[in-house]
Amino acid sequence: MKTIIAACSQNLSGSRASIQKALRTLLAVPWPSQWDICSWLQLLSVLQWVLSFLLMGTVSLLVLIYLLFTSFWPISALYLAWIIFDWDTPEKGGRRLPCLRRWSVWKHFRDYFPVKLMKTHDLSPSHNYIIGSHPHGILCVGAFCNFITGSTGFSEMFPGIQPFLATLAGNFRLPIFREYLMSGGLCPVTRRAIGYLLSQNGTGNAVAIVIGGAAESLSCRPGVTTLILKNRKGFVRMALRHGAHLVPSFSFGENDLFRQVVFEEGSWMRSVQQRFQKMIGFAPCVFYGRGLTSVQSRGFLPYARPITTVVGKPVTVPKVENPSREMVDKYHELYVRSLLKLFNENKTKYGMLETDELHIL
């Protein structure tokens, strides 16, 4: 009997020792640090943004079409009726939701790169403005983060100024996606939409336009800064008609977020890209970034490269209902000079060399 009790006692002490050893091993496992958690939150915030812009419109359209052939068809029918009723809203200032601009996700989005906004001059709330955003890059990260989200402090830097960002009008024809765009302050890049904001929405409005557009994205690559601007004068004519001052801005680091396969001018692939651009409004680029699992893997997420958007000095523009070509050329030249000055004064501060130049085509 004593032998059995001793054996049981030995097993019990052995089990207790095993449990203690297991607990020590568990406690020794490194828990995720605050830095790791922040990194994952930043990565997920960028992932949701990329997926939203690439897939939300198409997926929403397919879902609504599918619902038409199910017992849930009234949902699609009601939403279609809503879009018909609400068709002109994007052209009339949209429907902003301040809570979306203050969404905490955008702070993680900002910190992933990180994105910063730099102010060089004040903007008076008694005027309206057209902000030229350069360069386009692949996905216009700098323009979106600074002018659509409140994460970089635009409203604090420019009190009384309400920013908008113009994008392709076709995006506002996609269900659900149009609501998402309007809620953040995006508007169609059309004369009617921009004219409304500059003439019928009071003062203190700043409409940011990525002037180079889809054509500029074809020349996007690290180490090369090429802007499509020489023959882009519609924004100047618009500014003159409404008396809106012109403000240059440049996002240093925008072209470093992705790697793109750039096809030479005259090649058949380049001609295909240009034809697509004319037909559907954007150019299909062959590019890649980092993957979701690691920086070394390839995927569609942008690389974490710092972006600094510098907002320059406004070019004062008079209000002229029917500006002549000579007047448009004059203020276009003044704008280009102001942009070149902004670039040259700040390039060495934000990762570029003194010898780097801004090529304007």
Foldseek 3Di string as FASTA:
>chain_A
DVVVVVVVVVVVVVVVVVVVVVVVVVVPPDDDDPVNVLLLLLLVLLVVVVCLVPPVLVVQVVVLVVCCPDPNVVVSVVLVVVCVVCVCQLLQQFAAALVVLAPPSLLSPCVLLPEEEAEDDEDDQQAEAEEAEDDCADPNSNCCSQQQHCNHPPCVRHPNAHEAEEDAPVQCVGPPSVNVRRHRRYHHPDLSSVLNQLAVVGGRYYYYYNQQFQVSNLVQAPPAAEGAQPPRLPVLQSCQQRQHWYKYKYKPPSSQFKHWDHDDPPDPLVVVQVVCCVVPVHGDTHIWAADSPDRPHIHHGTHNHYIYMYIFDIHGHHHDNGDDPVNSVVVSVVNVVRNQVVCQVCVVVRPHDNPDHHHYD
